């Protein structure tokens, strides 16, 4: 009997599928949990992004904020970071 619940295994490239890519919509945030970490999935400009949901400025939950023209904006401080430069999980 295992003592700990194991999460999904990564594929050969190191990716873990949490939902079908078709379910991630352009300029909409989808929050998922991967290995105990909350991650925001979104598309912008046709590219798929996975970003740590912790605000790099104050550790607030960015999934409660907004997505504006390719920027994730914190609901607590209005701190914004570009999707393509945000910390990945």
C-alpha atoms as a PDB file:
ATOM      1  CA  UNK A   1       0.000   0.000   0.000  1.00  0.00           C
ATOM      2  CA  UNK A   2       1.541   3.358  -1.036  1.00  0.00           C
ATOM      3  CA  UNK A   3       1.827   5.970   1.694  1.00  0.00           C
ATOM      4  CA  UNK A   4       1.677   8.968  -0.637  1.00  0.00           C
ATOM      5  CA  UNK A   5      -0.543   9.640  -3.583  1.00  0.00           C
ATOM      6  CA  UNK A   6       1.584  10.048  -6.678  1.00  0.00           C
ATOM      7  CA  UNK A   7       0.752  12.667  -9.258  1.00  0.00           C
ATOM      8  CA  UNK A   8       0.677  12.019 -12.974  1.00  0.00           C
ATOM      9  CA  UNK A   9       3.962  10.983 -14.525  1.00  0.00           C
ATOM     10  CA  UNK A  10       5.771  13.257 -16.969  1.00  0.00           C
ATOM     11  CA  UNK A  11       6.125  12.195 -20.574  1.00  0.00           C
ATOM     12  CA  UNK A  12       9.477  11.666 -22.325  1.00  0.00           C
ATOM     13  CA  UNK A  13       9.897  15.450 -22.771  1.00  0.00           C
ATOM     14  CA  UNK A  14       9.102  16.206 -19.120  1.00  0.00           C
ATOM     15  CA  UNK A  15       5.550  17.474 -19.640  1.00  0.00           C
ATOM     16  CA  UNK A  16       2.549  16.496 -17.524  1.00  0.00           C
ATOM     17  CA  UNK A  17      -0.840  16.591 -19.232  1.00  0.00           C
ATOM     18  CA  UNK A  18      -3.460  18.177 -16.976  1.00  0.00           C
ATOM     19  CA  UNK A  19      -6.135  18.842 -19.595  1.00  0.00           C
ATOM     20  CA  UNK A  20      -6.445  18.787 -23.374  1.00  0.00           C
ATOM     21  CA  UNK A  21      -4.708  21.725 -25.083  1.00  0.00           C
ATOM     22  CA  UNK A  22      -7.979  22.496 -26.895  1.00  0.00           C
ATOM     23  CA  UNK A  23      -9.520  23.376 -23.502  1.00  0.00           C
ATOM     24  CA  UNK A  24      -7.044  26.257 -23.004  1.00  0.00           C
ATOM     25  CA  UNK A  25      -8.591  29.297 -24.702  1.00  0.00           C
ATOM     26  CA  UNK A  26      -7.094  32.470 -26.137  1.00  0.00           C
ATOM     27  CA  UNK A  27      -6.679  35.228 -23.524  1.00  0.00           C
ATOM     28  CA  UNK A  28      -8.505  33.256 -20.802  1.00  0.00           C
ATOM     29  CA  UNK A  29      -6.858  31.938 -17.643  1.00  0.00           C
ATOM     30  CA  UNK A  30      -7.310  28.348 -16.505  1.00  0.00           C
ATOM     31  CA  UNK A  31      -5.867  27.486 -13.086  1.00  0.00           C
ATOM     32  CA  UNK A  32      -4.699  23.914 -12.508  1.00  0.00           C
ATOM     33  CA  UNK A  33      -2.670  22.140  -9.849  1.00  0.00           C
ATOM     34  CA  UNK A  34       0.465  20.264 -10.907  1.00  0.00           C
ATOM     35  CA  UNK A  35       2.577  18.488  -8.317  1.00  0.00           C
ATOM     36  CA  UNK A  36       1.081  20.584  -5.524  1.00  0.00           C
ATOM     37  CA  UNK A  37       1.765  23.871  -7.333  1.00  0.00           C
ATOM     38  CA  UNK A  38      -0.941  26.134  -8.747  1.00  0.00           C
ATOM     39  CA  UNK A  39      -0.278  26.982 -12.390  1.00  0.00           C
ATOM     40  CA  UNK A  40      -2.086  29.281 -14.829  1.00  0.00           C
ATOM     41  CA  UNK A  41      -2.596  27.978 -18.365  1.00  0.00           C
ATOM     42  CA  UNK A  42      -3.498  30.363 -21.173  1.00  0.00           C
ATOM     43  CA  UNK A  43      -3.025  31.084 -24.854  1.00  0.00           C
ATOM     44  CA  UNK A  44      -1.970  34.421 -26.244  1.00  0.00           C
ATOM     45  CA  UNK A  45      -1.064  35.165 -29.840  1.00  0.00           C
ATOM     46  CA  UNK A  46      -1.581  31.487 -30.625  1.00  0.00           C
ATOM     47  CA  UNK A  47       1.079  30.370 -28.113  1.00  0.00           C
ATOM     48  CA  UNK A  48       0.339  28.199 -25.083  1.00  0.00           C
ATOM     49  CA  UNK A  49       1.727  29.392 -21.718  1.00  0.00           C
ATOM     50  CA  UNK A  50       2.030  27.759 -18.290  1.00  0.00           C
ATOM     51  CA  UNK A  51       2.900  30.282 -15.562  1.00  0.00           C
ATOM     52  CA  UNK A  52       3.356  29.985 -11.797  1.00  0.00           C
ATOM     53  CA  UNK A  53       0.273  31.568 -10.215  1.00  0.00           C
ATOM     54  CA  UNK A  54       2.265  33.210  -7.389  1.00  0.00           C
ATOM     55  CA  UNK A  55       2.804  36.907  -8.085  1.00  0.00           C
ATOM     56  CA  UNK A  56       6.578  37.562  -8.239  1.00  0.00           C
ATOM     57  CA  UNK A  57       5.991  40.937  -6.559  1.00  0.00           C
ATOM     58  CA  UNK A  58       4.036  39.908  -3.480  1.00  0.00           C
ATOM     59  CA  UNK A  59       3.113  36.203  -3.782  1.00  0.00           C
ATOM     60  CA  UNK A  60      -0.600  36.923  -4.293  1.00  0.00           C
ATOM     61  CA  UNK A  61      -2.563  34.494  -6.479  1.00  0.00           C
ATOM     62  CA  UNK A  62      -2.367  35.766 -10.070  1.00  0.00           C
ATOM     63  CA  UNK A  63      -5.261  33.517 -11.101  1.00  0.00           C
ATOM     64  CA  UNK A  64      -7.515  35.917  -9.177  1.00  0.00           C
ATOM     65  CA  UNK A  65      -6.191  38.830 -11.231  1.00  0.00           C
ATOM     66  CA  UNK A  66      -6.700  39.697 -14.875  1.00  0.00           C
ATOM     67  CA  UNK A  67      -5.094  38.964 -18.207  1.00  0.00           C
ATOM     68  CA  UNK A  68      -4.678  42.134 -20.267  1.00  0.00           C
ATOM     69  CA  UNK A  69      -2.995  42.200 -23.694  1.00  0.00           C
ATOM     70  CA  UNK A  70      -0.545  39.438 -22.820  1.00  0.00           C
ATOM     71  CA  UNK A  71       0.083  40.614 -19.252  1.00  0.00           C
ATOM     72  CA  UNK A  72      -0.939  38.874 -16.036  1.00  0.00           C
ATOM     73  CA  UNK A  73      -2.010  41.537 -13.542  1.00  0.00           C
ATOM     74  CA  UNK A  74      -2.225  41.017  -9.793  1.00  0.00           C
ATOM     75  CA  UNK A  75      -5.569  41.797  -8.162  1.00  0.00           C
ATOM     76  CA  UNK A  76      -3.870  42.992  -4.957  1.00  0.00           C
ATOM     77  CA  UNK A  77      -1.210  45.387  -6.250  1.00  0.00           C
ATOM     78  CA  UNK A  78      -2.024  45.807  -9.979  1.00  0.00           C
ATOM     79  CA  UNK A  79       1.530  44.555 -10.604  1.00  0.00           C
ATOM     80  CA  UNK A  80       1.685  43.185 -14.155  1.00  0.00           C
ATOM     81  CA  UNK A  81       4.147  40.806 -15.805  1.00  0.00           C
ATOM     82  CA  UNK A  82       4.371  39.724 -19.426  1.00  0.00           C
ATOM     83  CA  UNK A  83       3.369  36.133 -20.129  1.00  0.00           C
ATOM     84  CA  UNK A  84       6.522  35.359 -22.064  1.00  0.00           C
ATOM     85  CA  UNK A  85       8.836  36.642 -19.286  1.00  0.00           C
ATOM     86  CA  UNK A  86       6.852  35.353 -16.293  1.00  0.00           C
ATOM     87  CA  UNK A  87       8.333  32.579 -14.152  1.00  0.00           C
ATOM     88  CA  UNK A  88       7.342  29.150 -15.362  1.00  0.00           C
ATOM     89  CA  UNK A  89       6.361  26.493 -12.855  1.00  0.00           C
END
